[in-house]
């Protein structure tokens, strides 16, 4: 995904990467850069990164051996699977 970001015109990006080669590596450093098209965006980024993401942990318990489990998929449909012995 970051490789795609770096293909966006540099004038439209809020960050630039210090890298060698065509691909983002684990050690790639991104630095903020100004752009006349992104006025105020760095403040928005900063605020978003400080915000705590609300989440609700799911109660997960192991399914017993030999049982059939059912669950709701992300698209809302139901799925079931048999846990082998």
Protein backbone atom coordinates (compact mmCIF):
# COMPACT_ATOMS: atom_id res chain seq x y z
CA UNK A 1 0.00 0.00 0.00
CA UNK A 2 2.83 2.42 0.80
CA UNK A 3 4.43 1.66 -2.55
CA UNK A 4 1.23 2.88 -4.20
CA UNK A 5 1.25 6.00 -2.02
CA UNK A 6 4.73 6.88 -3.27
CA UNK A 7 3.50 6.67 -6.88
CA UNK A 8 1.10 9.58 -6.22
CA UNK A 9 2.40 12.90 -7.55
CA UNK A 10 4.78 14.32 -4.94
CA UNK A 11 2.89 17.66 -4.91
CA UNK A 12 -0.23 15.83 -3.68
CA UNK A 13 1.41 13.83 -0.89
CA UNK A 14 1.70 14.98 2.70
CA UNK A 15 4.75 12.80 3.30
CA UNK A 16 7.84 11.84 1.37
CA UNK A 17 10.04 8.79 1.91
CA UNK A 18 13.78 8.59 2.31
CA UNK A 19 14.41 5.34 0.49
CA UNK A 20 16.56 3.59 -2.00
CA UNK A 21 14.92 1.50 -4.68
CA UNK A 22 11.31 1.31 -5.80
CA UNK A 23 9.75 -0.34 -2.75
CA UNK A 24 9.10 0.74 0.81
CA UNK A 25 11.19 -1.28 3.26
CA UNK A 26 10.75 -1.69 7.04
CA UNK A 27 13.43 0.95 7.66
CA UNK A 28 11.91 3.55 5.31
CA UNK A 29 11.54 6.94 7.00
CA UNK A 30 8.59 9.14 6.02
CA UNK A 31 8.91 12.87 6.60
CA UNK A 32 6.15 15.48 6.46
CA UNK A 33 6.30 17.88 3.56
CA UNK A 34 4.26 20.95 2.78
CA UNK A 35 1.98 21.20 -0.20
CA UNK A 36 -0.27 24.01 -1.38
CA UNK A 37 -2.94 21.35 -1.95
CA UNK A 38 -2.87 19.98 1.62
CA UNK A 39 -3.18 23.07 3.82
CA UNK A 40 -4.15 21.98 7.34
CA UNK A 41 -3.83 18.25 6.67
CA UNK A 42 -0.85 17.71 8.98
CA UNK A 43 -2.90 19.04 11.90
CA UNK A 44 -5.68 16.63 10.92
CA UNK A 45 -3.19 13.71 10.76
CA UNK A 46 -1.73 14.68 14.15
CA UNK A 47 -5.17 14.82 15.78
CA UNK A 48 -6.23 11.50 14.26
CA UNK A 49 -3.07 9.76 15.47
CA UNK A 50 -3.60 11.04 19.03
CA UNK A 51 -7.19 9.81 19.22
CA UNK A 52 -7.83 6.52 20.98
CA UNK A 53 -9.61 4.09 18.71
CA UNK A 54 -12.72 2.73 20.42
CA UNK A 55 -13.07 -1.01 20.16
CA UNK A 56 -14.95 -3.75 21.86
CA UNK A 57 -13.01 -6.93 22.45
CA UNK A 58 -14.86 -10.01 21.32
CA UNK A 59 -15.42 -12.76 23.82
CA UNK A 60 -13.55 -15.64 22.22
CA UNK A 61 -13.47 -19.13 23.63
CA UNK A 62 -12.05 -22.26 22.01
CA UNK A 63 -14.53 -24.53 20.28
CA UNK A 64 -14.67 -28.07 21.65
CA UNK A 65 -13.22 -30.85 19.54
CA UNK A 66 -15.88 -32.51 17.36
CA UNK A 67 -18.28 -29.54 17.54
CA UNK A 68 -19.80 -27.41 14.82
CA UNK A 69 -19.38 -23.67 15.20
CA UNK A 70 -21.35 -20.88 13.54
CA UNK A 71 -20.36 -17.26 13.11
CA UNK A 72 -21.33 -14.10 11.28
CA UNK A 73 -19.02 -12.99 8.49
CA UNK A 74 -18.05 -9.36 7.83
CA UNK A 75 -20.62 -9.20 5.00
CA UNK A 76 -23.40 -10.25 7.42
CA UNK A 77 -23.85 -13.80 6.14
CA UNK A 78 -23.65 -16.87 8.41
CA UNK A 79 -20.98 -19.51 8.13
CA UNK A 80 -20.43 -22.75 9.97
CA UNK A 81 -17.50 -25.09 10.31
CA UNK A 82 -16.93 -28.48 11.87
CA UNK A 83 -14.00 -28.80 14.29
CA UNK A 84 -12.43 -32.21 13.64
CA UNK A 85 -11.75 -34.76 16.36
